[in-house]
C-alpha atoms as a PDB file:
ATOM      1  CA  MET A   1     -28.805 -14.078 -12.841  1.00  0.00           C
ATOM      2  CA  LYS A   2     -25.275 -12.662 -13.734  1.00  0.00           C
ATOM      3  CA  ARG A   3     -24.143 -15.020 -10.899  1.00  0.00           C
ATOM      4  CA  ILE A   4     -25.582 -18.111 -12.529  1.00  0.00           C
ATOM      5  CA  LEU A   5     -23.928 -17.441 -15.653  1.00  0.00           C
ATOM      6  CA  SER A   6     -20.657 -16.594 -14.472  1.00  0.00           C
ATOM      7  CA  LEU A   7     -20.795 -19.775 -12.279  1.00  0.00           C
ATOM      8  CA  ALA A   8     -21.528 -21.821 -15.503  1.00  0.00           C
ATOM      9  CA  LEU A   9     -18.799 -20.236 -17.204  1.00  0.00           C
ATOM     10  CA  LEU A  10     -16.458 -20.948 -14.455  1.00  0.00           C
ATOM     11  CA  ALA A  11     -17.431 -24.667 -13.882  1.00  0.00           C
ATOM     12  CA  PRO A  12     -15.269 -27.180 -15.472  1.00  0.00           C
ATOM     13  CA  SER A  13     -15.921 -28.998 -18.367  1.00  0.00           C
ATOM     14  CA  SER A  14     -16.797 -32.248 -16.629  1.00  0.00           C
ATOM     15  CA  ALA A  15     -19.761 -30.779 -15.046  1.00  0.00           C
ATOM     16  CA  PHE A  16     -21.378 -30.675 -18.386  1.00  0.00           C
ATOM     17  CA  ALA A  17     -23.338 -33.627 -19.446  1.00  0.00           C
ATOM     18  CA  ALA A  18     -21.593 -36.087 -21.520  1.00  0.00           C
ATOM     19  CA  ALA A  19     -22.848 -37.286 -24.819  1.00  0.00           C
ATOM     20  CA  PHE A  20     -25.296 -39.902 -25.080  1.00  0.00           C
ATOM     21  CA  GLU A  21     -24.337 -43.435 -25.405  1.00  0.00           C
ATOM     22  CA  ARG A  22     -26.606 -45.913 -26.727  1.00  0.00           C
ATOM     23  CA  PRO A  23     -26.903 -48.831 -24.565  1.00  0.00           C
ATOM     24  CA  ILE A  24     -25.910 -52.164 -26.005  1.00  0.00           C
ATOM     25  CA  PRO A  25     -28.593 -55.104 -25.594  1.00  0.00           C
ATOM     26  CA  GLN A  26     -27.308 -57.944 -23.856  1.00  0.00           C
ATOM     27  CA  PRO A  27     -28.038 -61.519 -25.511  1.00  0.00           C
ATOM     28  CA  GLN A  28     -30.594 -63.690 -23.810  1.00  0.00           C
ATOM     29  CA  THR A  29     -29.426 -66.219 -21.381  1.00  0.00           C
ATOM     30  CA  GLU A  30     -30.568 -69.874 -21.991  1.00  0.00           C
ATOM     31  CA  THR A  31     -32.625 -69.572 -18.564  1.00  0.00           C
ATOM     32  CA  ALA A  32     -34.567 -66.622 -19.783  1.00  0.00           C
ATOM     33  CA  GLU A  33     -35.429 -68.235 -23.124  1.00  0.00           C
ATOM     34  CA  PHE A  34     -36.420 -71.150 -21.100  1.00  0.00           C
ATOM     35  CA  TRP A  35     -38.898 -69.325 -18.963  1.00  0.00           C
ATOM     36  CA  PHE A  36     -40.038 -67.329 -21.892  1.00  0.00           C
ATOM     37  CA  LEU A  37     -40.834 -70.668 -23.568  1.00  0.00           C
ATOM     38  CA  ILE A  38     -43.046 -71.727 -20.472  1.00  0.00           C
ATOM     39  CA  GLY A  39     -44.777 -68.256 -20.361  1.00  0.00           C
ATOM     40  CA  SER A  40     -45.579 -68.485 -24.038  1.00  0.00           C
ATOM     41  CA  ILE A  41     -46.775 -72.093 -23.704  1.00  0.00           C
ATOM     42  CA  ALA A  42     -49.068 -71.260 -20.631  1.00  0.00           C
ATOM     43  CA  LEU A  43     -50.474 -68.256 -22.734  1.00  0.00           C
ATOM     44  CA  ILE A  44     -51.635 -70.356 -25.513  1.00  0.00           C
ATOM     45  CA  VAL A  45     -53.006 -72.936 -23.337  1.00  0.00           C
ATOM     46  CA  SER A  46     -54.938 -70.381 -21.179  1.00  0.00           C
ATOM     47  CA  LEU A  47     -56.334 -68.783 -24.374  1.00  0.00           C
ATOM     48  CA  GLY A  48     -57.416 -72.257 -25.541  1.00  0.00           C
ATOM     49  CA  PHE A  49     -59.229 -72.933 -22.241  1.00  0.00           C
ATOM     50  CA  VAL A  50     -60.887 -69.604 -22.292  1.00  0.00           C
ATOM     51  CA  GLN A  51     -61.938 -70.361 -25.778  1.00  0.00           C
ATOM     52  CA  TYR A  52     -63.562 -73.539 -24.537  1.00  0.00           C
ATOM     53  CA  LEU A  53     -65.243 -71.962 -21.707  1.00  0.00           C
ATOM     54  CA  VAL A  54     -66.898 -69.281 -24.038  1.00  0.00           C
ATOM     55  CA  SER A  55     -68.049 -71.829 -26.481  1.00  0.00           C
ATOM     56  CA  ARG A  56     -69.821 -73.775 -23.916  1.00  0.00           C
ATOM     57  CA  ARG A  57     -72.085 -70.883 -23.122  1.00  0.00           C
END
């Protein structure tokens, strides 16, 4: 146990963890926005189709 403590005290300061830096979110690209739009429309259409199938029964 003494060995571990002495190694920790002798270690350079760069060996210790750096302070946490919050990640900065990147803006959405136009391509990502386009595919999100396509996915949203597909979800709405599929929900409408499921409603149609359920109401027929």
